[in-house]
């Protein structure tokens, strides 16, 4: 189980974010929902976690 890459968050990572202006990172569903709203960010569910990300 991977941990969310956001500081202070110990939730399970379920999404990989592809961020054009920064390194890709794996994050929890909550952080992914917020960050993925930015233009250019692509969110891909991690294998086995497709149900956690619509």
C-alpha atoms as a PDB file:
ATOM      1  CA  UNK A   1       0.000   0.000   0.000  1.00  0.00           C
ATOM      2  CA  UNK A   2       1.422   3.352  -1.059  1.00  0.00           C
ATOM      3  CA  UNK A   3       0.851   6.399   1.102  1.00  0.00           C
ATOM      4  CA  UNK A   4      -0.436   9.714  -0.236  1.00  0.00           C
ATOM      5  CA  UNK A   5       2.439  11.963  -1.332  1.00  0.00           C
ATOM      6  CA  UNK A   6       0.854  15.117   0.093  1.00  0.00           C
ATOM      7  CA  UNK A   7       2.477  16.433   3.280  1.00  0.00           C
ATOM      8  CA  UNK A   8       0.684  15.424   6.457  1.00  0.00           C
ATOM      9  CA  UNK A   9      -1.621  12.902   4.770  1.00  0.00           C
ATOM     10  CA  UNK A  10      -1.325   9.240   5.702  1.00  0.00           C
ATOM     11  CA  UNK A  11      -4.252   8.017   3.579  1.00  0.00           C
ATOM     12  CA  UNK A  12      -3.750   5.302   0.973  1.00  0.00           C
ATOM     13  CA  UNK A  13      -2.722   6.515  -2.483  1.00  0.00           C
ATOM     14  CA  UNK A  14      -5.218   5.453  -5.156  1.00  0.00           C
ATOM     15  CA  UNK A  15      -4.486   7.870  -8.027  1.00  0.00           C
ATOM     16  CA  UNK A  16      -1.373   8.891  -9.946  1.00  0.00           C
ATOM     17  CA  UNK A  17      -1.421  12.544 -10.958  1.00  0.00           C
ATOM     18  CA  UNK A  18       0.412  13.622 -14.092  1.00  0.00           C
ATOM     19  CA  UNK A  19       1.240  17.271 -13.459  1.00  0.00           C
ATOM     20  CA  UNK A  20       2.849  19.139 -16.385  1.00  0.00           C
ATOM     21  CA  UNK A  21       4.696  21.674 -14.187  1.00  0.00           C
ATOM     22  CA  UNK A  22       5.862  19.231 -11.474  1.00  0.00           C
ATOM     23  CA  UNK A  23       6.800  15.605 -10.900  1.00  0.00           C
ATOM     24  CA  UNK A  24       4.084  12.978 -11.135  1.00  0.00           C
ATOM     25  CA  UNK A  25       2.887  11.799  -7.733  1.00  0.00           C
ATOM     26  CA  UNK A  26       0.515   9.294  -6.170  1.00  0.00           C
ATOM     27  CA  UNK A  27      -2.172  10.684  -3.888  1.00  0.00           C
ATOM     28  CA  UNK A  28      -5.351   9.720  -2.058  1.00  0.00           C
ATOM     29  CA  UNK A  29      -8.759  10.239  -3.659  1.00  0.00           C
ATOM     30  CA  UNK A  30      -9.438  13.400  -1.653  1.00  0.00           C
ATOM     31  CA  UNK A  31      -6.279  15.175  -2.752  1.00  0.00           C
ATOM     32  CA  UNK A  32      -6.714  13.898  -6.318  1.00  0.00           C
ATOM     33  CA  UNK A  33     -10.181  15.463  -6.561  1.00  0.00           C
ATOM     34  CA  UNK A  34      -8.811  18.876  -5.625  1.00  0.00           C
ATOM     35  CA  UNK A  35      -5.558  18.810  -7.616  1.00  0.00           C
ATOM     36  CA  UNK A  36      -7.090  17.245 -10.752  1.00  0.00           C
ATOM     37  CA  UNK A  37      -9.317  20.320 -11.196  1.00  0.00           C
ATOM     38  CA  UNK A  38      -6.299  22.310 -12.364  1.00  0.00           C
ATOM     39  CA  UNK A  39      -5.859  22.692 -16.121  1.00  0.00           C
ATOM     40  CA  UNK A  40      -3.477  20.163 -17.612  1.00  0.00           C
ATOM     41  CA  UNK A  41      -3.485  17.685 -14.715  1.00  0.00           C
ATOM     42  CA  UNK A  42      -4.384  14.123 -15.653  1.00  0.00           C
ATOM     43  CA  UNK A  43      -5.460  11.641 -12.963  1.00  0.00           C
ATOM     44  CA  UNK A  44      -5.070   7.898 -13.518  1.00  0.00           C
ATOM     45  CA  UNK A  45      -6.322   5.365 -10.970  1.00  0.00           C
ATOM     46  CA  UNK A  46      -3.677   2.976  -9.708  1.00  0.00           C
ATOM     47  CA  UNK A  47      -4.085  -0.709 -10.576  1.00  0.00           C
ATOM     48  CA  UNK A  48      -6.628  -2.278  -8.264  1.00  0.00           C
ATOM     49  CA  UNK A  49      -8.088   1.074  -7.202  1.00  0.00           C
ATOM     50  CA  UNK A  50     -10.290   1.843 -10.197  1.00  0.00           C
ATOM     51  CA  UNK A  51     -13.407   1.873  -7.983  1.00  0.00           C
ATOM     52  CA  UNK A  52     -11.930   4.594  -5.768  1.00  0.00           C
ATOM     53  CA  UNK A  53     -11.681   7.037  -8.654  1.00  0.00           C
ATOM     54  CA  UNK A  54     -14.642   7.849 -10.912  1.00  0.00           C
END
